[in-house]
Protein backbone atom coordinates (compact mmCIF):
# COMPACT_ATOMS: atom_id res chain seq x y z
CA UNK A 1 -19.47 13.69 4.57
CA UNK A 2 -16.78 11.80 2.63
CA UNK A 3 -15.83 8.33 3.80
CA UNK A 4 -12.68 7.86 5.85
CA UNK A 5 -10.29 5.76 3.78
CA UNK A 6 -7.68 3.42 5.27
CA UNK A 7 -5.32 1.17 3.29
CA UNK A 8 -4.09 -1.94 5.09
CA UNK A 9 -0.86 -3.30 3.63
CA UNK A 10 1.27 -6.33 4.30
CA UNK A 11 2.94 -9.42 2.91
CA UNK A 12 0.73 -12.13 1.47
CA UNK A 13 -0.42 -14.75 3.95
CA UNK A 14 0.25 -12.93 7.21
CA UNK A 15 -3.34 -12.03 8.11
CA UNK A 16 -4.16 -8.78 6.29
CA UNK A 17 -7.61 -10.01 5.34
CA UNK A 18 -8.12 -11.38 8.85
CA UNK A 19 -7.19 -7.98 10.28
CA UNK A 20 -9.25 -6.00 7.75
CA UNK A 21 -12.32 -8.22 8.13
CA UNK A 22 -12.36 -8.06 11.92
CA UNK A 23 -11.78 -4.30 11.84
CA UNK A 24 -14.69 -3.95 9.38
CA UNK A 25 -16.89 -6.01 11.68
CA UNK A 26 -15.83 -3.94 14.69
CA UNK A 27 -16.71 -0.67 12.96
CA UNK A 28 -20.08 -2.13 11.89
CA UNK A 29 -20.82 -3.13 15.49
CA UNK A 30 -20.08 0.51 16.39
CA UNK A 31 -22.92 1.48 14.02
CA UNK A 32 -20.63 2.64 11.22
CA UNK A 33 -21.35 1.99 7.56
CA UNK A 34 -18.31 0.09 6.32
CA UNK A 35 -17.09 -0.92 2.87
CA UNK A 36 -14.29 -3.49 2.61
CA UNK A 37 -12.40 -3.28 -0.66
CA UNK A 38 -10.30 -6.32 -1.56
CA UNK A 39 -7.29 -5.25 -3.64
CA UNK A 40 -5.55 -8.56 -4.34
CA UNK A 41 -5.82 -10.68 -7.52
CA UNK A 42 -6.64 -13.68 -5.27
CA UNK A 43 -9.94 -11.85 -4.52
CA UNK A 44 -10.34 -13.52 -1.13
CA UNK A 45 -10.37 -10.49 1.17
CA UNK A 46 -14.12 -10.57 1.74
CA UNK A 47 -14.59 -14.36 1.93
CA UNK A 48 -14.94 -14.45 5.73
CA UNK A 49 -16.89 -11.20 5.68
CA UNK A 50 -19.53 -12.81 3.45
CA UNK A 51 -19.66 -16.18 5.18
CA UNK A 52 -17.61 -17.99 2.54
CA UNK A 53 -19.47 -16.61 -0.49
CA UNK A 54 -17.05 -15.47 -3.23
CA UNK A 55 -17.95 -12.10 -4.72
CA UNK A 56 -17.89 -11.40 -8.47
CA UNK A 57 -14.87 -9.18 -9.10
CA UNK A 58 -14.70 -5.80 -10.80
CA UNK A 59 -12.23 -7.28 -13.31
CA UNK A 60 -14.58 -10.15 -14.25
CA UNK A 61 -17.71 -8.02 -14.44
CA UNK A 62 -16.01 -5.29 -16.45
CA UNK A 63 -14.77 -7.84 -19.01
CA UNK A 64 -18.24 -9.39 -19.34
CA UNK A 65 -20.02 -6.04 -19.64
CA UNK A 66 -17.44 -4.67 -22.05
CA UNK A 67 -17.90 -7.67 -24.34
CA UNK A 68 -21.64 -6.86 -24.46
CA UNK A 69 -21.00 -3.13 -24.85
CA UNK A 70 -22.73 -2.49 -21.52
CA UNK A 71 -21.85 -0.26 -18.57
CA UNK A 72 -20.91 -1.60 -15.14
CA UNK A 73 -23.40 -0.56 -12.45
CA UNK A 74 -23.02 -0.41 -8.67
CA UNK A 75 -25.22 -3.45 -8.12
CA UNK A 76 -22.97 -5.49 -10.42
CA UNK A 77 -19.91 -5.19 -8.17
CA UNK A 78 -20.97 -3.95 -4.70
CA UNK A 79 -22.53 -6.45 -2.32
CA UNK A 80 -24.11 -6.20 1.12
CA UNK A 81 -24.19 -8.66 3.98
CA UNK A 82 -26.82 -8.28 6.69
CA UNK A 83 -25.67 -9.94 9.91
CA UNK A 84 -28.42 -10.61 12.48
CA UNK A 85 -26.63 -9.24 15.54
CA UNK A 86 -25.04 -6.23 13.76
CA UNK A 87 -26.69 -2.80 13.74
CA UNK A 88 -25.32 -2.04 10.27
CA UNK A 89 -24.82 -4.14 7.13
CA UNK A 90 -21.28 -4.52 5.77
CA UNK A 91 -20.50 -3.81 2.12
CA UNK A 92 -17.85 -5.56 0.06
CA UNK A 93 -16.06 -5.25 -3.28
CA UNK A 94 -13.34 -7.41 -4.80
CA UNK A 95 -11.22 -5.77 -7.50
CA UNK A 96 -9.78 -9.12 -8.57
CA UNK A 97 -7.24 -9.47 -11.35
CA UNK A 98 -6.07 -11.65 -14.23
CA UNK A 99 -5.45 -15.36 -13.95
CA UNK A 100 -1.89 -16.38 -13.12
CA UNK A 101 0.45 -15.66 -16.02
CA UNK A 102 -2.24 -13.95 -18.10
CA UNK A 103 -1.87 -10.30 -17.28
CA UNK A 104 -0.66 -7.60 -14.91
CA UNK A 105 -2.26 -7.61 -11.46
CA UNK A 106 -1.25 -4.00 -10.87
CA UNK A 107 -2.93 -2.88 -14.07
CA UNK A 108 -6.07 -4.62 -12.84
CA UNK A 109 -5.92 -2.59 -9.62
CA UNK A 110 -5.59 0.67 -11.56
CA UNK A 111 -8.47 -0.21 -13.91
CA UNK A 112 -10.60 -1.29 -10.96
CA UNK A 113 -10.14 2.03 -9.20
CA UNK A 114 -10.96 3.88 -12.42
CA UNK A 115 -14.25 1.97 -12.61
CA UNK A 116 -15.08 2.64 -8.95
CA UNK A 117 -14.32 6.34 -9.27
CA UNK A 118 -16.64 6.60 -12.27
CA UNK A 119 -19.33 5.05 -10.06
CA UNK A 120 -18.67 7.72 -7.43
CA UNK A 121 -17.22 5.49 -4.68
CA UNK A 122 -15.89 8.40 -2.65
CA UNK A 123 -19.30 10.07 -2.63
CA UNK A 124 -21.28 7.07 -1.38
CA UNK A 125 -23.02 7.18 1.99
CA UNK A 126 -20.25 5.19 3.68
CA UNK A 127 -18.42 6.08 6.89
CA UNK A 128 -15.26 4.01 6.42
CA UNK A 129 -13.61 2.32 3.43
CA UNK A 130 -11.01 -0.29 4.36
CA UNK A 131 -8.71 -1.27 1.47
CA UNK A 132 -7.04 -4.67 1.86
CA UNK A 133 -3.84 -4.42 -0.20
CA UNK A 134 -1.14 -6.92 -1.07
CA UNK A 135 2.18 -5.32 -0.09
CA UNK A 136 4.90 -7.66 -1.36
CA UNK A 137 4.44 -6.79 -5.04
CA UNK A 138 6.51 -3.84 -6.26
CA UNK A 139 4.28 -3.13 -9.29
CA UNK A 140 3.09 0.46 -9.16
CA UNK A 141 -0.57 -0.52 -9.45
CA UNK A 142 -0.55 -1.84 -5.90
CA UNK A 143 0.66 1.56 -4.69
CA UNK A 144 -2.36 3.31 -6.23
CA UNK A 145 -3.91 4.52 -2.93
CA UNK A 146 -0.55 5.96 -1.83
CA UNK A 147 0.43 7.42 -5.18
CA UNK A 148 -2.91 9.13 -5.70
CA UNK A 149 -3.73 9.79 -2.03
CA UNK A 150 -6.91 7.72 -2.33
CA UNK A 151 -6.31 6.47 1.21
CA UNK A 152 -6.09 9.07 3.95
CA UNK A 153 -4.30 6.66 6.25
CA UNK A 154 -2.13 3.56 6.02
CA UNK A 155 -1.79 0.67 8.45
CA UNK A 156 0.97 -1.94 8.06
CA UNK A 157 0.40 -5.55 9.12
CA UNK A 158 3.31 -7.85 9.88
CA UNK A 159 4.38 -10.93 11.81
CA UNK A 160 7.69 -11.33 13.60
CA UNK A 161 9.46 -12.90 10.61
CA UNK A 162 12.03 -10.94 8.64
CA UNK A 163 10.29 -11.14 5.26
CA UNK A 164 6.98 -9.72 6.48
CA UNK A 165 8.83 -6.93 8.30
CA UNK A 166 10.86 -6.26 5.15
CA UNK A 167 7.60 -5.86 3.21
CA UNK A 168 6.28 -3.44 5.82
CA UNK A 169 9.49 -1.44 5.55
CA UNK A 170 9.13 -1.28 1.76
CA UNK A 171 5.60 0.11 2.05
CA UNK A 172 6.80 2.63 4.62
CA UNK A 173 9.52 3.76 2.21
CA UNK A 174 7.04 3.94 -0.68
CA UNK A 175 4.60 6.09 1.30
CA UNK A 176 7.43 8.40 2.33
CA UNK A 177 8.54 8.66 -1.30
CA UNK A 178 5.07 9.59 -2.54
CA UNK A 179 4.82 12.23 0.16
CA UNK A 180 7.84 13.98 -1.39
CA UNK A 181 5.88 14.42 -4.62
CA UNK A 182 2.65 15.57 -3.05
CA UNK A 183 1.13 12.38 -1.59
CA UNK A 184 -1.11 12.94 1.44
CA UNK A 185 -1.51 9.42 2.89
CA UNK A 186 -0.53 9.31 6.58
CA UNK A 187 1.07 6.26 8.19
CA UNK A 188 -0.83 5.39 11.37
CA UNK A 189 1.41 2.54 12.44
CA UNK A 190 1.98 -1.20 12.59
CA UNK A 191 -0.16 -4.16 13.65
CA UNK A 192 1.72 -7.28 14.74
CA UNK A 193 -0.43 -10.30 13.90
CA UNK A 194 0.17 -13.80 15.30
CA UNK A 195 2.56 -12.22 17.76
CA UNK A 196 4.86 -14.88 19.21
CA UNK A 197 6.30 -12.56 21.86
CA UNK A 198 9.77 -12.52 20.31
CA UNK A 199 9.72 -8.72 20.01
CA UNK A 200 11.36 -8.70 16.56
CA UNK A 201 8.70 -6.55 14.89
CA UNK A 202 8.69 -4.19 17.87
CA UNK A 203 12.47 -3.86 17.58
CA UNK A 204 12.03 -2.87 13.93
CA UNK A 205 9.20 -0.44 14.74
CA UNK A 206 11.33 1.31 17.35
CA UNK A 207 14.29 1.62 14.97
CA UNK A 208 12.10 2.91 12.14
CA UNK A 209 10.02 5.27 14.30
CA UNK A 210 6.71 3.48 13.65
CA UNK A 211 3.97 3.19 16.27
CA UNK A 212 2.83 -0.33 17.19
CA UNK A 213 -0.96 -0.02 17.10
CA UNK A 214 -1.92 -3.51 18.22
CA UNK A 215 -0.41 -6.91 19.04
CA UNK A 216 -2.63 -9.88 18.17
CA UNK A 217 -1.19 -13.10 19.65
CA UNK A 218 -1.64 -16.41 17.87
CA UNK A 219 -4.97 -17.86 18.91
CA UNK A 220 -6.19 -21.27 17.68
CA UNK A 221 -9.83 -20.33 18.32
CA UNK A 222 -9.43 -17.16 16.27
CA UNK A 223 -7.93 -19.20 13.44
CA UNK A 224 -10.84 -21.63 13.60
CA UNK A 225 -13.33 -18.74 13.44
CA UNK A 226 -11.59 -17.37 10.36
CA UNK A 227 -11.36 -20.78 8.71
CA UNK A 228 -15.10 -21.29 9.22
CA UNK A 229 -15.89 -17.85 7.72
CA UNK A 230 -16.81 -16.21 11.01
CA UNK A 231 -15.43 -13.23 12.93
CA UNK A 232 -12.62 -13.68 15.45
CA UNK A 233 -13.96 -10.66 17.35
CA UNK A 234 -16.68 -12.94 18.68
CA UNK A 235 -13.92 -14.04 21.08
CA UNK A 236 -13.71 -11.52 23.97
CA UNK A 237 -9.89 -11.32 24.00
CA UNK A 238 -9.75 -10.52 20.28
CA UNK A 239 -12.80 -8.23 20.34
CA UNK A 240 -11.28 -6.03 23.05
CA UNK A 241 -8.13 -5.41 21.01
CA UNK A 242 -10.01 -4.49 17.85
CA UNK A 243 -12.49 -2.29 19.74
CA UNK A 244 -9.64 -0.34 21.33
CA UNK A 245 -7.97 0.22 17.96
CA UNK A 246 -11.25 1.18 16.26
CA UNK A 247 -12.05 3.75 18.97
CA UNK A 248 -8.56 5.25 18.71
CA UNK A 249 -8.95 5.57 14.94
CA UNK A 250 -12.42 7.13 15.09
CA UNK A 251 -11.46 9.53 17.88
CA UNK A 252 -8.22 10.55 16.09
CA UNK A 253 -6.10 9.53 19.06
CA UNK A 254 -3.32 8.08 16.86
CA UNK A 255 -0.57 10.49 15.89
CA UNK A 256 0.59 9.66 12.34
CA UNK A 257 4.20 8.50 12.01
CA UNK A 258 6.81 10.48 10.10
CA UNK A 259 8.88 7.34 9.47
CA UNK A 260 10.65 7.01 6.14
CA UNK A 261 11.65 3.38 6.60
CA UNK A 262 15.13 1.91 7.06
CA UNK A 263 17.71 1.56 4.31
CA UNK A 264 18.66 -2.01 3.44
CA UNK A 265 21.82 -2.27 5.51
CA UNK A 266 20.20 -0.69 8.58
CA UNK A 267 17.34 -3.12 8.19
CA UNK A 268 19.39 -6.32 7.89
CA UNK A 269 21.61 -5.31 10.82
CA UNK A 270 18.54 -5.50 13.07
CA UNK A 271 18.72 -9.27 12.65
CA UNK A 272 22.43 -9.85 13.22
CA UNK A 273 25.97 -8.90 12.27
CA UNK A 274 26.49 -8.29 8.57
CA UNK A 275 29.89 -8.19 6.88
CA UNK A 276 30.99 -4.97 5.18
CA UNK A 277 32.97 -6.97 2.61
CA UNK A 278 32.06 -6.46 -1.04
CA UNK A 279 30.64 -9.50 -2.87
CA UNK A 280 33.18 -11.52 -4.84
CA UNK A 281 32.62 -11.15 -8.60
CA UNK A 282 32.36 -14.29 -10.71
CA UNK A 283 34.47 -14.43 -13.87
CA UNK A 284 33.53 -15.40 -17.39
CA UNK A 285 36.32 -17.99 -17.32
CA UNK A 286 34.87 -19.88 -14.36
CA UNK A 287 31.34 -19.78 -15.78
CA UNK A 288 32.07 -20.61 -19.42
CA UNK A 289 34.92 -22.98 -18.53
CA UNK A 290 37.11 -24.52 -21.22
CA UNK A 291 35.39 -22.79 -24.14
CA UNK A 292 36.52 -19.39 -22.86
CA UNK A 293 40.05 -20.56 -22.12
CA UNK A 294 40.29 -21.98 -25.64
CA UNK A 295 38.96 -18.99 -27.52
CA UNK A 296 40.28 -16.39 -25.14
CA UNK A 297 37.04 -14.43 -25.22
CA UNK A 298 33.60 -14.86 -23.78
CA UNK A 299 30.47 -14.69 -25.88
CA UNK A 300 29.16 -11.13 -26.18
CA UNK A 301 25.99 -10.36 -24.32
CA UNK A 302 23.45 -7.62 -24.33
CA UNK A 303 23.56 -5.55 -21.15
CA UNK A 304 20.25 -4.47 -19.72
CA UNK A 305 19.55 -1.08 -18.28
CA UNK A 306 17.20 -1.13 -15.35
CA UNK A 307 15.39 2.10 -14.79
CA UNK A 308 14.44 3.20 -11.29
CA UNK A 309 12.11 5.71 -9.75
CA UNK A 310 14.80 8.35 -9.29
CA UNK A 311 15.73 8.31 -12.98
CA UNK A 312 12.06 8.41 -13.93
CA UNK A 313 11.47 11.34 -11.58
CA UNK A 314 14.43 13.24 -13.06
CA UNK A 315 12.95 12.82 -16.53
CA UNK A 316 9.61 14.10 -15.28
CA UNK A 317 11.27 17.14 -13.68
CA UNK A 318 12.91 17.93 -17.02
CA UNK A 319 9.45 18.04 -18.63
CA UNK A 320 8.21 20.80 -16.31
CA UNK A 321 7.82 24.37 -17.51
CA UNK A 322 11.02 26.38 -16.98
CA UNK A 323 9.71 28.42 -14.02
CA UNK A 324 8.25 25.38 -12.28
CA UNK A 325 11.44 23.39 -12.82
CA UNK A 326 13.61 26.19 -11.42
CA UNK A 327 11.52 26.58 -8.25
CA UNK A 328 11.06 22.83 -7.74
CA UNK A 329 14.78 22.08 -7.99
CA UNK A 330 15.70 24.87 -5.59
CA UNK A 331 13.13 23.84 -2.97
CA UNK A 332 13.06 20.05 -3.30
CA UNK A 333 16.60 19.22 -4.36
CA UNK A 334 18.59 22.11 -2.88
CA UNK A 335 16.31 22.35 0.18
CA UNK A 336 16.03 26.12 0.04
CA UNK A 337 13.22 27.85 1.90
CA UNK A 338 10.43 29.77 0.20
CA UNK A 339 12.01 33.01 1.36
CA UNK A 340 15.41 32.09 -0.08
CA UNK A 341 13.90 31.09 -3.41
CA UNK A 342 11.85 34.28 -3.54
CA UNK A 343 14.96 36.38 -2.96
CA UNK A 344 17.09 34.48 -5.49
CA UNK A 345 14.45 34.49 -8.22
CA UNK A 346 13.08 37.99 -7.50
CA UNK A 347 9.53 36.73 -6.95
CA UNK A 348 6.93 37.18 -4.27
CA UNK A 349 6.77 34.30 -1.76
CA UNK A 350 3.17 33.62 -2.77
CA UNK A 351 4.26 33.25 -6.40
CA UNK A 352 7.01 30.82 -5.36
CA UNK A 353 4.54 28.72 -3.37
CA UNK A 354 2.12 28.68 -6.30
CA UNK A 355 4.83 27.54 -8.72
CA UNK A 356 6.03 24.83 -6.31
CA UNK A 357 2.49 23.48 -5.78
CA UNK A 358 1.88 23.53 -9.53
CA UNK A 359 5.16 21.68 -10.14
CA UNK A 360 4.23 18.93 -7.67
CA UNK A 361 0.79 18.53 -9.24
CA UNK A 362 2.28 18.24 -12.73
CA UNK A 363 5.00 15.85 -11.54
CA UNK A 364 2.43 13.57 -9.99
CA UNK A 365 0.53 13.39 -13.26
CA UNK A 366 3.68 12.93 -15.37
CA UNK A 367 5.07 10.21 -13.08
CA UNK A 368 1.97 8.01 -13.11
CA UNK A 369 0.94 8.55 -16.71
CA UNK A 370 4.32 7.46 -18.09
């Protein structure tokens, strides 16, 4: 049976690794075989899980093996920790990434997953794979589990501050976007870590239509456990919360959310009144000062064109075969039903469905290969 895969996303420094580690430990105590996959260039997701021992990363090992013209093996990058009072060992992998300023972290994530897939990660005898993902980087590599449906489910972690909630909203929007082009990852909901009782994250969740899965209040003892590379679930109050969530996940008691996330103005208005006034443009005269007034003209500059996902998607649609493009545009852009498209194009409904599915498959490949 294939492992259940869950991606845990959130802003850096808010407790994603704390949440993932204690959830991994909870599943292991429930006699489940768990693999925790750290997907952050800092490669510190599994530090507490392994008692403070840093794991060699996939990025480091691959570079070393490649230099020697050798293949990476499972035992090079997958590590096991046997914990005396746990019925199952816990497995860990750190994807890692380049040193600061020396490469693309997202590219490292993509390469890491390619290596793991070649080693058959999704066919291992593992019950649950928890992926600990950095969520405040917009690089496409960090969206790999959503873009390629490598994670069946997604959990967002946030605090009650605006920036961490903003990051959660971005991931929600990204997952919704990928679903429009064939993504299958389901959003389970939101975990509020270090909950101060202000209710800000809950206010956002209600507005966005996202289920709050668990509130974890700030707890000095839990922090001390984490800082000393131990599990916070050894504390009864913390253990009870994680056990409840783990049972609900395993027993499929959580209904996935259909939330698409809030647009920017709807989001910022959750935090206070926002003016509808347009921003005041600066002028060349005020920025260049006397030199512009003297010459009468500003120095020419090269304008930059910033591409976005919508433009990229439009280009990908244009590359589809004529029949696929016709059906895709009618169904996805014009929102026509299969029956309407079948009637307008003089095709059987089954043929329309086949063309639409084929178009989505090809779009997914075109979008992420370019």
